[in-house]
Amino acid sequence: MQFLSACLKFRELARKPLFLFNMKKYLTLICCVCISQAFAQRASDNWDLRHCIEHALEYNISIKQADIQARIAALQAKQAKNNIYPSLNGSSSTGVRFGRSIDPTTNSFSTSQFLYQNFGINAGAQLYNFGRLKNTTLVAKFNAEAALADVARAANDVSFNVATYYLQVLSSKEQLKISEVQISQTQNQFDITRKRVEAGVLPELNLAEVEAQLATDSSNYYASKGNYEQSLLNLRALLNLETDVLFGIETPAVDQIPIESFAELQPEMVYDLALQYQPLQKANEFRIKSAQKSILVSKALMYPTISLGGNLSTNFSSSFKKITGGSFLGYSPITGSEPIITLSNVNYYVQNPIYKLTQTSRGFDQLWDGWSRQLDNNFGQNLGISLSIPIYNNHQAKINIQQAKLNLKSAELQKQQSDLTLRQNIYAAYTNAITALQKFNAGKKLVTSAQKAYDFAIKRYEVGLLSSLDLITNQNNLLKAKVQQLSNQYDYVFKMKLLEFYKGRGLKL
C-alpha cells in the first residue's frame, strides 16, 4: 500500500507544469519505503528479550565451555569422594617360559619349557592419613561449586550483553521511525511549497531549499536504517543465529518498562545484595574455602599413614611332576662319616634308603587332577597392616604447604579486588543513573520547547512571515531534540536495569 500510494503521488506530480522536484531523489524515497516494507515483512518473526536471552543461554559457546569445565570438576569431586573407600583388584597371567627361570611351584631353577598361570586378588584401605583424603574431597567439592558459579557468571555476562544489544536495536529502531516521520513532514512541506510556488506566492528558491532538506532527510533515513540493521546483525551474531533464520525484535513501550525507584536501588544496599547473589563473588568464596582445605592436605603429607591390605593368590605350572609309583631298592651306607650311635663298643653308621619313583607332568587335559588341584594346593592368603612414616623427602612437603598458603593469599586478594571492583561499578552505575535521569528530564523540556518553536514556525511560514530555511532549521532542531531524548530515555532505562542486575533481579523489560 505504501508503494502504491507513493507511485500515485509521483504520477500526479509528474503531470504538473512546474515539476521542480528532483526525480532521482523522489525515486530514492520510493525505494526507501519499499525496502523498509520488505525488511519489515522479512523480519516478521519477532523475539522479546526473554526469548533472546533463553536462546543465547542455550547456544552460546562460552557458556557451553564453562559447563564442560563444571562437569569435569564434578567428576573430579566424585572421584575424590570415591578414593575414601577401599580398593579391590584382581589379576591373572598366563604364558610360556623358556630357558633358565624359577618354577613358581617349586621355587627352583629350571631350564625346561613350561606353561604357567597365576591368579590373585588384592585389597587395600587407608586407616589413618591425618584427614588427607577427607580434605582432598572437600577441595574437589569446593572447586566444583566454584565451577558452577563460573557457569552462572558466564550466563550473566551473556544475558547482560544480549540486553545491551537488544536496547541498542530498540533505540535504533525508534530513531528509524523518527526519520520516517521527518521525511513525511518534509514531504508535506514540499507539497505546500510547490503549490505556493506555482501560485507565484513564493520564489522557486524556497522549493529548492525544501527539496534539499528532503534529500538530507532521506540520507538520514538511510543512516538510521543502516544503524538499525547493523544493531540487528550484532544481536543476531551474539545469539549465534543462522543467516536464514527470520529474526526481528518486539518493541515494548519504553514508557511501560517497569523500573524500581532510586530508594530501592541505593548503592550500599545493592552492594550488600550483590555480594550474596553475584556469581563471581560466590566463586571467589568457594575458591578461598578450597585453598584453605588444600593447606590441610599438604600438612597431612608430613604425618604417618596407616594402611590395611591383603591378597589372595594361587598359581599353576605344567613343570610340576606327579608321582605315579615307586619301589624300595635297599640301603646305601654313608662311608667316611662319624658313627651316629655306639652301643657295646659297636659303631652304627647312617644309611640312605634307596627308592625309585615314577613321575609324570600335569597338564590342562588333567583338569581336576592337574590344573584345579594345583591351584588348590598353591592357594595362599595374606593380611597385614603397613605404616608409612615420612622422614625426609627433599622438603617437598614443606614447600607444598608454603605454596598452598600463598594460593590462599592469592585467592583472598582476588576476592578483595573483585569486591572492590564491584563496589566501584555499582556506585558508578548509580551516579550514571542519576545523571541519565537528569538528562532525560531536561530532554523533555527541550523537546517541548522545540515542538512549540516548530509549531509557531509552521504557522508563520504558512502566512509568509518565515523563510523556508528558518523553517527547516526549526524542523531539524525538533528532530535532533527527539532523537536525543529517545537516546536519553533508553540510556536511563539501561542504567536503571544495570542497578537491578547488580541487585540480583535479572534483566527484564
Protein backbone atom coordinates (compact mmCIF):
# COMPACT_ATOMS: atom_id res chain seq x y z
CA MET A 1 0.00 0.00 0.00
CA GLN A 2 2.82 2.40 0.79
CA PHE A 3 4.46 1.64 -2.53
CA LEU A 4 1.16 2.16 -4.45
CA SER A 5 0.48 5.44 -2.68
CA ALA A 6 3.98 6.71 -3.45
CA CYS A 7 3.61 5.78 -7.13
CA LEU A 8 0.26 7.58 -7.46
CA LYS A 9 1.71 10.69 -5.83
CA PHE A 10 4.70 10.54 -8.14
CA ARG A 11 2.41 10.32 -11.24
CA GLU A 12 0.36 13.27 -10.00
CA LEU A 13 3.44 15.42 -9.55
CA ALA A 14 4.75 14.48 -12.96
CA ARG A 15 1.65 15.90 -14.62
CA LYS A 16 2.11 19.34 -13.07
CA PRO A 17 3.54 22.08 -15.26
CA LEU A 18 6.04 23.05 -12.62
CA PHE A 19 7.90 19.86 -11.89
CA LEU A 20 10.92 21.07 -9.99
CA PHE A 21 11.15 18.08 -7.77
CA ASN A 22 14.18 16.02 -8.48
CA MET A 23 13.02 12.72 -9.97
CA LYS A 24 16.07 10.83 -8.73
CA LYS A 25 15.54 11.96 -5.15
CA TYR A 26 11.89 11.01 -5.22
CA LEU A 27 12.62 7.59 -6.70
CA THR A 28 15.13 7.14 -3.89
CA LEU A 29 12.40 7.89 -1.38
CA ILE A 30 10.09 5.33 -3.04
CA CYS A 31 12.83 2.68 -2.92
CA CYS A 32 13.44 3.55 0.72
CA VAL A 33 9.80 2.90 1.57
CA CYS A 34 9.79 -0.35 -0.42
CA ILE A 35 12.94 -1.63 1.26
CA SER A 36 11.53 -0.73 4.65
CA GLN A 37 8.34 -2.62 3.89
CA ALA A 38 10.23 -5.66 2.61
CA PHE A 39 12.51 -5.62 5.61
CA ALA A 40 9.55 -5.46 7.96
CA GLN A 41 8.00 -8.47 6.22
CA ARG A 42 11.27 -10.43 6.28
CA ALA A 43 11.81 -9.82 9.97
CA SER A 44 8.31 -10.83 10.90
CA ASP A 45 9.46 -13.38 13.48
CA ASN A 46 9.81 -11.01 16.42
CA TRP A 47 11.56 -12.06 19.61
CA ASP A 48 11.24 -10.44 23.00
CA LEU A 49 14.14 -10.02 25.42
CA ARG A 50 13.30 -13.17 27.37
CA HIS A 51 13.32 -15.27 24.18
CA CYS A 52 16.66 -13.77 23.12
CA ILE A 53 18.27 -14.46 26.49
CA GLU A 54 16.97 -18.04 26.63
CA HIS A 55 18.28 -18.75 23.12
CA ALA A 56 21.66 -17.21 23.95
CA LEU A 57 21.98 -19.25 27.14
CA GLU A 58 21.28 -22.44 25.19
CA TYR A 59 23.60 -21.89 22.23
CA ASN A 60 26.35 -19.55 23.44
CA ILE A 61 29.79 -21.15 23.09
CA SER A 62 31.35 -19.57 26.19
CA ILE A 63 28.54 -20.94 28.35
CA LYS A 64 28.99 -24.40 26.83
CA GLN A 65 32.72 -24.26 27.58
CA ALA A 66 32.07 -23.20 31.17
CA ASP A 67 29.53 -26.01 31.50
CA ILE A 68 32.09 -28.56 30.30
CA GLN A 69 34.59 -27.34 32.87
CA ALA A 70 31.92 -27.59 35.57
CA ARG A 71 31.18 -31.18 34.56
CA ILE A 72 34.87 -32.06 34.68
CA ALA A 73 35.13 -30.52 38.16
CA ALA A 74 32.05 -32.51 39.27
CA LEU A 75 33.65 -35.75 38.05
CA GLN A 76 36.85 -34.89 39.91
CA ALA A 77 34.84 -34.27 43.08
CA LYS A 78 33.11 -37.63 42.64
CA GLN A 79 36.44 -39.38 42.17
CA ALA A 80 37.93 -37.70 45.26
CA LYS A 81 34.95 -38.91 47.30
CA ASN A 82 35.31 -42.48 46.00
CA ASN A 83 39.01 -42.52 46.92
CA ILE A 84 38.00 -42.80 50.59
CA TYR A 85 36.62 -46.30 50.09
CA PRO A 86 38.80 -49.46 49.97
CA SER A 87 40.14 -50.72 46.68
CA LEU A 88 39.79 -54.27 45.32
CA ASN A 89 41.61 -55.52 42.22
CA GLY A 90 42.03 -58.89 40.54
CA SER A 91 44.88 -60.10 38.36
CA SER A 92 45.73 -63.07 36.21
CA SER A 93 48.56 -64.00 33.85
CA THR A 94 49.23 -66.93 31.56
CA GLY A 95 52.29 -67.67 29.45
CA VAL A 96 55.12 -69.97 28.43
CA ARG A 97 58.62 -69.67 29.89
CA PHE A 98 61.85 -70.61 28.08
CA GLY A 99 65.41 -71.03 29.24
CA ARG A 100 66.58 -70.68 32.82
CA SER A 101 63.81 -69.42 35.11
CA ILE A 102 62.28 -70.08 38.51
CA ASP A 103 59.46 -72.55 38.64
CA PRO A 104 56.62 -70.80 40.58
CA THR A 105 55.51 -74.09 42.16
CA THR A 106 58.92 -75.33 43.40
CA ASN A 107 60.86 -72.04 43.59
CA SER A 108 63.78 -73.86 41.99
CA PHE A 109 65.65 -73.00 38.81
CA SER A 110 64.54 -74.81 35.69
CA THR A 111 65.84 -74.80 32.13
CA SER A 112 62.95 -76.67 30.57
CA GLN A 113 59.98 -75.10 28.83
CA PHE A 114 56.79 -74.99 30.86
CA LEU A 115 53.36 -73.36 30.90
CA TYR A 116 52.43 -71.17 33.87
CA GLN A 117 49.30 -69.36 35.13
CA ASN A 118 48.79 -67.02 38.11
CA PHE A 119 45.65 -65.69 39.82
CA GLY A 120 45.41 -63.03 42.51
CA ILE A 121 43.04 -60.64 44.32
CA ASN A 122 44.40 -57.58 46.17
CA ALA A 123 42.54 -55.29 48.57
CA GLY A 124 43.70 -52.19 50.43
CA ALA A 125 42.39 -49.31 52.51
CA GLN A 126 43.90 -46.36 54.34
CA LEU A 127 43.02 -46.40 58.02
CA TYR A 128 44.65 -43.13 59.01
CA ASN A 129 46.21 -40.36 56.92
CA PHE A 130 45.63 -37.25 59.06
CA GLY A 131 42.47 -36.32 57.13
CA ARG A 132 44.22 -36.07 53.74
CA LEU A 133 41.55 -37.95 51.78
CA LYS A 134 38.72 -36.15 53.55
CA ASN A 135 40.19 -32.71 52.91
CA THR A 136 41.04 -33.65 49.32
CA THR A 137 37.36 -34.48 48.86
CA LEU A 138 36.38 -31.06 50.23
CA VAL A 139 38.88 -29.32 47.93
CA ALA A 140 37.37 -31.02 44.90
CA LYS A 141 33.85 -30.24 46.14
CA PHE A 142 34.55 -26.52 46.54
CA ASN A 143 36.25 -26.42 43.14
CA ALA A 144 33.16 -28.00 41.58
CA GLU A 145 30.90 -25.42 43.24
CA ALA A 146 33.17 -22.63 42.03
CA ALA A 147 32.96 -24.05 38.50
CA LEU A 148 29.15 -23.98 38.72
CA ALA A 149 29.35 -20.35 39.81
CA ASP A 150 31.54 -19.69 36.77
CA VAL A 151 28.78 -21.10 34.56
CA ALA A 152 26.29 -18.74 36.20
CA ARG A 153 28.74 -15.87 35.72
CA ALA A 154 29.10 -16.67 32.02
CA ALA A 155 25.31 -16.81 31.73
CA ASN A 156 25.03 -13.44 33.47
CA ASP A 157 27.58 -11.89 31.13
CA VAL A 158 25.78 -13.22 28.08
CA SER A 159 22.40 -12.04 29.41
CA PHE A 160 23.84 -8.60 30.06
CA ASN A 161 25.34 -8.40 26.57
CA VAL A 162 22.07 -9.55 24.99
CA ALA A 163 20.15 -6.90 26.92
CA THR A 164 22.66 -4.24 25.86
CA TYR A 165 22.39 -5.15 22.18
CA TYR A 166 18.63 -5.51 22.48
CA LEU A 167 18.27 -1.97 23.81
CA GLN A 168 20.57 -0.72 21.05
CA VAL A 169 18.28 -2.32 18.46
CA LEU A 170 15.23 -0.76 20.11
CA SER A 171 16.88 2.66 20.16
CA SER A 172 17.98 2.48 16.51
CA LYS A 173 14.54 1.21 15.54
CA GLU A 174 12.85 4.18 17.19
CA GLN A 175 15.31 6.55 15.53
CA LEU A 176 14.37 4.96 12.21
CA LYS A 177 10.73 5.71 12.91
CA ILE A 178 11.58 9.32 13.71
CA SER A 179 13.44 9.58 10.41
CA GLU A 180 10.38 8.26 8.58
CA VAL A 181 8.18 10.84 10.30
CA GLN A 182 10.71 13.52 9.39
CA ILE A 183 10.56 12.52 5.71
CA SER A 184 6.77 12.60 5.83
CA GLN A 185 6.75 16.10 7.35
CA THR A 186 9.28 17.38 4.84
CA GLN A 187 7.25 15.87 2.01
CA ASN A 188 4.16 17.73 3.24
CA GLN A 189 6.16 20.95 3.34
CA PHE A 190 7.36 20.27 -0.17
CA ASP A 191 3.78 19.80 -1.41
CA ILE A 192 2.65 23.05 0.23
CA THR A 193 5.67 24.97 -1.00
CA ARG A 194 5.28 23.64 -4.53
CA LYS A 195 1.67 24.79 -4.66
CA ARG A 196 2.61 28.26 -3.39
CA VAL A 197 5.45 28.49 -5.89
CA GLU A 198 3.08 27.56 -8.68
CA ALA A 199 0.71 30.24 -7.44
CA GLY A 200 3.54 32.76 -7.51
CA VAL A 201 3.39 33.45 -3.77
CA LEU A 202 6.88 32.11 -3.05
CA PRO A 203 10.01 32.14 -5.13
CA GLU A 204 11.46 28.91 -6.55
CA LEU A 205 14.36 29.21 -4.11
CA ASN A 206 12.09 28.14 -1.27
CA LEU A 207 11.12 24.99 -3.16
CA ALA A 208 14.77 24.20 -3.85
CA GLU A 209 15.60 24.58 -0.13
CA VAL A 210 12.81 22.22 0.89
CA GLU A 211 13.93 19.80 -1.82
CA ALA A 212 17.46 19.85 -0.41
CA GLN A 213 16.07 19.21 3.05
CA LEU A 214 14.11 16.24 1.70
CA ALA A 215 17.31 14.81 0.30
CA THR A 216 19.02 15.36 3.65
CA ASP A 217 16.16 13.61 5.45
CA SER A 218 16.43 10.71 3.02
CA SER A 219 20.15 10.45 3.76
CA ASN A 220 19.42 10.50 7.50
CA TYR A 221 16.85 7.79 6.96
CA TYR A 222 19.37 5.55 5.25
CA ALA A 223 21.87 6.19 8.02
CA SER A 224 19.28 5.31 10.67
CA LYS A 225 18.25 2.23 8.72
CA GLY A 226 21.88 1.15 8.43
CA ASN A 227 22.38 1.59 12.17
CA TYR A 228 19.25 -0.46 12.84
CA GLU A 229 20.30 -3.30 10.56
CA GLN A 230 23.83 -3.27 11.98
CA SER A 231 22.48 -3.43 15.53
CA LEU A 232 20.22 -6.27 14.49
CA LEU A 233 23.16 -8.12 12.92
CA ASN A 234 25.20 -7.67 16.11
CA LEU A 235 22.38 -9.14 18.16
CA ARG A 236 21.96 -11.99 15.68
CA ALA A 237 25.68 -12.80 15.92
CA LEU A 238 25.52 -12.77 19.72
CA LEU A 239 22.59 -15.18 19.58
CA ASN A 240 24.54 -17.41 17.16
CA LEU A 241 21.67 -17.43 14.67
CA GLU A 242 21.97 -18.74 11.16
CA THR A 243 21.55 -16.23 8.34
CA ASP A 244 18.44 -17.96 7.00
CA VAL A 245 16.55 -17.62 10.30
CA LEU A 246 13.87 -14.91 10.23
CA PHE A 247 14.61 -12.59 13.10
CA GLY A 248 13.18 -9.39 14.44
CA ILE A 249 12.52 -7.95 17.87
CA GLU A 250 9.40 -6.88 19.62
CA THR A 251 9.21 -3.23 20.56
CA PRO A 252 7.86 -2.81 24.08
CA ALA A 253 6.56 0.59 25.07
CA VAL A 254 9.58 2.16 26.72
CA ASP A 255 7.31 4.18 28.98
CA GLN A 256 5.80 0.95 30.30
CA ILE A 257 9.07 -0.80 31.16
CA PRO A 258 8.97 -1.38 34.95
CA ILE A 259 11.78 0.39 36.79
CA GLU A 260 12.47 0.30 40.50
CA SER A 261 12.76 3.56 42.39
CA PHE A 262 16.07 5.04 43.48
CA ALA A 263 15.06 4.37 47.10
CA GLU A 264 15.21 0.64 46.33
CA LEU A 265 18.50 0.95 44.45
CA GLN A 266 20.72 2.68 46.95
CA PRO A 267 24.32 1.70 46.15
CA GLU A 268 25.26 0.32 49.56
CA MET A 269 22.14 -1.84 49.71
CA VAL A 270 22.70 -3.03 46.15
CA TYR A 271 26.32 -3.84 47.01
CA ASP A 272 25.32 -5.96 50.03
CA LEU A 273 22.87 -7.93 47.89
CA ALA A 274 25.40 -8.27 45.08
CA LEU A 275 27.88 -9.91 47.45
CA GLN A 276 25.28 -12.60 48.07
CA TYR A 277 23.90 -13.12 44.57
CA GLN A 278 26.61 -12.27 42.03
CA PRO A 279 28.24 -15.49 40.71
CA LEU A 280 31.77 -14.07 40.71
CA GLN A 281 31.57 -13.35 44.42
CA LYS A 282 30.24 -16.86 45.08
CA ALA A 283 33.04 -18.40 43.03
CA ASN A 284 35.64 -16.42 44.99
CA GLU A 285 34.20 -17.67 48.28
CA PHE A 286 34.38 -21.29 47.12
CA ARG A 287 37.95 -20.87 45.90
CA ILE A 288 39.02 -19.46 49.27
CA LYS A 289 37.48 -22.47 51.03
CA SER A 290 39.23 -24.78 48.57
CA ALA A 291 42.58 -23.08 49.24
CA GLN A 292 42.08 -23.43 53.00
CA LYS A 293 41.49 -27.17 52.70
CA SER A 294 44.46 -27.51 50.36
CA ILE A 295 46.72 -26.35 53.19
CA LEU A 296 45.42 -29.22 55.37
CA VAL A 297 46.02 -31.67 52.54
CA SER A 298 49.63 -30.51 52.24
CA LYS A 299 50.16 -30.76 56.01
CA ALA A 300 48.87 -34.34 56.02
CA LEU A 301 51.82 -35.40 53.87
CA MET A 302 54.11 -34.75 56.89
CA TYR A 303 52.33 -37.32 59.11
CA PRO A 304 52.37 -41.13 59.13
CA THR A 305 49.93 -43.16 57.10
CA ILE A 306 48.45 -46.47 58.28
CA SER A 307 47.07 -48.81 55.66
CA LEU A 308 45.37 -52.18 55.75
CA GLY A 309 45.98 -54.61 52.92
CA GLY A 310 45.50 -58.23 51.93
CA ASN A 311 45.63 -60.56 48.97
CA LEU A 312 44.66 -64.00 47.75
CA SER A 313 46.88 -65.80 45.23
CA THR A 314 47.48 -69.12 43.57
CA ASN A 315 49.37 -70.47 40.52
CA PHE A 316 49.80 -73.37 38.16
CA SER A 317 52.87 -74.75 36.38
CA SER A 318 52.98 -77.54 33.84
CA SER A 319 56.50 -78.48 35.05
CA PHE A 320 55.17 -79.78 38.34
CA LYS A 321 55.62 -83.57 38.42
CA LYS A 322 53.03 -86.05 39.60
CA ILE A 323 54.34 -89.17 41.44
CA THR A 324 52.60 -92.18 39.97
CA GLY A 325 54.55 -95.04 41.67
CA GLY A 326 57.84 -96.30 43.18
CA SER A 327 59.85 -99.25 44.61
CA PHE A 328 62.29 -99.82 47.55
CA LEU A 329 65.77 -100.97 46.45
CA GLY A 330 67.56 -101.26 49.83
CA TYR A 331 70.05 -99.14 51.77
CA SER A 332 73.24 -97.41 50.85
CA PRO A 333 75.82 -96.85 53.67
CA ILE A 334 77.43 -93.45 54.03
CA THR A 335 81.18 -94.02 54.24
CA GLY A 336 83.64 -91.63 55.79
CA SER A 337 81.13 -90.25 58.30
CA GLU A 338 81.34 -90.39 62.05
CA PRO A 339 79.24 -93.06 63.78
CA ILE A 340 75.92 -91.83 64.97
CA ILE A 341 75.23 -94.44 67.63
CA THR A 342 77.73 -96.60 69.58
CA LEU A 343 76.30 -99.50 71.56
CA SER A 344 78.54 -102.03 73.40
CA ASN A 345 81.56 -100.68 71.61
CA VAL A 346 79.84 -101.27 68.30
CA ASN A 347 79.56 -98.35 65.89
CA TYR A 348 76.39 -97.95 63.89
CA TYR A 349 76.51 -95.75 60.76
CA VAL A 350 73.69 -93.87 58.99
CA GLN A 351 72.47 -95.45 55.75
CA ASN A 352 70.34 -93.97 52.97
CA PRO A 353 67.26 -95.76 51.77
CA ILE A 354 67.11 -96.18 48.01
CA TYR A 355 63.78 -95.53 46.23
CA LYS A 356 62.89 -95.42 42.58
CA LEU A 357 59.95 -93.04 41.80
CA THR A 358 57.82 -92.80 38.69
CA GLN A 359 56.72 -89.16 37.79
CA THR A 360 54.62 -87.55 35.03
CA SER A 361 53.91 -83.89 34.16
CA ARG A 362 50.47 -82.36 34.79
CA GLY A 363 48.62 -80.53 32.03
CA PHE A 364 45.33 -78.86 31.23
CA ASP A 365 43.97 -82.13 29.92
CA GLN A 366 44.05 -83.40 33.51
CA LEU A 367 41.65 -80.69 34.73
CA TRP A 368 40.91 -81.88 38.22
CA ASP A 369 43.97 -83.93 38.95
CA GLY A 370 46.27 -81.34 37.28
CA TRP A 371 45.20 -77.72 36.99
CA SER A 372 42.48 -77.47 39.65
CA ARG A 373 44.35 -79.50 42.29
CA GLN A 374 47.49 -77.48 41.77
CA LEU A 375 45.55 -74.20 42.18
CA ASP A 376 44.06 -75.58 45.38
CA ASN A 377 47.41 -76.71 46.74
CA ASN A 378 49.11 -73.39 45.89
CA PHE A 379 46.33 -71.16 47.29
CA GLY A 380 47.74 -68.53 49.68
CA GLN A 381 46.35 -65.67 51.79
CA ASN A 382 47.91 -62.53 53.19
CA LEU A 383 46.57 -59.86 55.54
CA GLY A 384 48.61 -57.09 57.09
CA ILE A 385 48.89 -53.51 58.31
CA SER A 386 51.55 -51.18 56.97
CA LEU A 387 52.88 -47.97 58.46
CA SER A 388 54.50 -45.30 56.29
CA ILE A 389 56.45 -42.59 58.13
CA PRO A 390 57.81 -39.63 56.11
CA ILE A 391 61.32 -38.87 57.31
CA TYR A 392 62.99 -36.89 54.57
CA ASN A 393 61.52 -36.06 51.15
CA ASN A 394 63.74 -33.17 49.99
CA HIS A 395 61.50 -30.62 51.76
CA GLN A 396 58.74 -31.36 49.29
CA ALA A 397 56.01 -31.38 51.95
CA LYS A 398 57.14 -28.06 53.46
CA ILE A 399 57.27 -26.40 50.06
CA ASN A 400 53.79 -27.71 49.26
CA ILE A 401 52.48 -26.17 52.47
CA GLN A 402 54.08 -22.81 51.71
CA GLN A 403 52.70 -22.88 48.18
CA ALA A 404 49.21 -23.74 49.46
CA LYS A 405 49.35 -20.77 51.85
CA LEU A 406 50.37 -18.46 49.02
CA ASN A 407 47.48 -19.80 46.92
CA LEU A 408 45.13 -18.96 49.78
CA LYS A 409 46.54 -15.45 50.00
CA SER A 410 46.14 -15.03 46.24
CA ALA A 411 42.50 -16.19 46.40
CA GLU A 412 41.79 -13.73 49.23
CA LEU A 413 43.38 -10.87 47.29
CA GLN A 414 41.39 -11.84 44.21
CA LYS A 415 38.20 -11.68 46.25
CA GLN A 416 39.14 -8.28 47.65
CA GLN A 417 39.87 -6.95 44.18
CA SER A 418 36.62 -8.34 42.78
CA ASP A 419 34.59 -6.89 45.66
CA LEU A 420 36.29 -3.52 45.27
CA THR A 421 35.61 -3.51 41.53
CA LEU A 422 32.00 -4.50 42.17
CA ARG A 423 31.54 -1.64 44.66
CA GLN A 424 33.06 0.85 42.23
CA ASN A 425 30.86 -0.38 39.39
CA ILE A 426 27.71 -0.14 41.49
CA TYR A 427 28.44 3.39 42.70
CA ALA A 428 29.36 4.41 39.15
CA ALA A 429 26.13 2.85 37.84
CA TYR A 430 24.12 4.68 40.48
CA THR A 431 25.76 8.02 39.61
CA ASN A 432 25.26 7.37 35.91
CA ALA A 433 21.61 6.52 36.52
CA ILE A 434 21.03 9.82 38.33
CA THR A 435 22.77 11.70 35.52
CA ALA A 436 20.71 9.81 32.93
CA LEU A 437 17.51 10.74 34.76
CA GLN A 438 18.51 14.40 34.84
CA LYS A 439 19.32 14.34 31.13
CA PHE A 440 16.01 12.64 30.44
CA ASN A 441 14.04 15.26 32.38
CA ALA A 442 15.96 18.07 30.69
CA GLY A 443 15.34 16.44 27.33
CA LYS A 444 11.59 16.52 27.94
CA LYS A 445 11.71 20.28 28.30
CA LEU A 446 13.93 20.58 25.23
CA VAL A 447 11.52 18.54 23.10
CA THR A 448 8.55 20.57 24.36
CA SER A 449 10.31 23.84 23.56
CA ALA A 450 11.46 22.62 20.14
CA GLN A 451 7.94 21.41 19.34
CA LYS A 452 6.45 24.80 20.24
CA ALA A 453 9.07 26.58 18.16
CA TYR A 454 8.35 24.34 15.21
CA ASP A 455 4.58 24.79 15.51
CA PHE A 456 5.00 28.59 15.55
CA ALA A 457 7.41 28.37 12.63
CA ILE A 458 4.86 26.37 10.59
CA LYS A 459 2.18 28.97 11.22
CA ARG A 460 4.49 31.85 10.31
CA TYR A 461 5.69 30.01 7.21
CA GLU A 462 2.15 29.41 6.03
CA VAL A 463 1.41 33.14 6.14
CA GLY A 464 4.70 34.03 4.51
CA LEU A 465 6.39 35.53 7.60
CA LEU A 466 9.17 32.94 7.76
CA SER A 467 11.60 31.72 5.16
CA SER A 468 11.86 28.06 4.26
CA LEU A 469 15.44 27.99 5.56
CA ASP A 470 14.30 29.12 9.02
CA LEU A 471 11.50 26.54 8.92
CA ILE A 472 13.98 23.81 8.05
CA THR A 473 16.22 24.94 10.90
CA ASN A 474 13.36 24.65 13.40
CA GLN A 475 12.44 21.27 11.97
CA ASN A 476 15.99 19.99 12.31
CA ASN A 477 16.15 21.28 15.87
CA LEU A 478 12.99 19.34 16.68
CA LEU A 479 14.37 16.19 15.06
CA LYS A 480 17.62 16.44 16.98
CA ALA A 481 15.76 17.03 20.21
CA LYS A 482 13.55 13.95 19.66
CA VAL A 483 16.45 11.71 18.70
CA GLN A 484 18.48 12.90 21.67
CA GLN A 485 15.53 12.46 24.01
CA LEU A 486 14.98 8.93 22.72
CA SER A 487 18.64 8.16 23.36
CA ASN A 488 18.33 9.71 26.83
CA GLN A 489 15.30 7.59 27.62
CA TYR A 490 16.90 4.31 26.63
CA ASP A 491 20.10 5.29 28.40
CA TYR A 492 18.13 5.98 31.58
CA VAL A 493 16.28 2.66 31.33
CA PHE A 494 19.53 0.78 30.73
CA LYS A 495 21.28 2.42 33.68
CA MET A 496 18.40 1.53 35.99
CA LYS A 497 18.28 -2.04 34.70
CA LEU A 498 22.00 -2.30 35.33
CA LEU A 499 21.44 -1.49 39.01
CA GLU A 500 18.67 -4.09 39.15
CA PHE A 501 21.08 -6.56 37.55
CA TYR A 502 23.67 -5.97 40.27
CA LYS A 503 20.91 -6.39 42.82
CA GLY A 504 20.31 -9.91 41.57
CA ARG A 505 16.91 -9.30 39.95
CA GLY A 506 18.00 -10.31 36.45
CA LEU A 507 17.21 -8.39 33.27
CA LYS A 508 13.57 -7.83 32.38
CA LEU A 509 11.85 -5.38 30.07
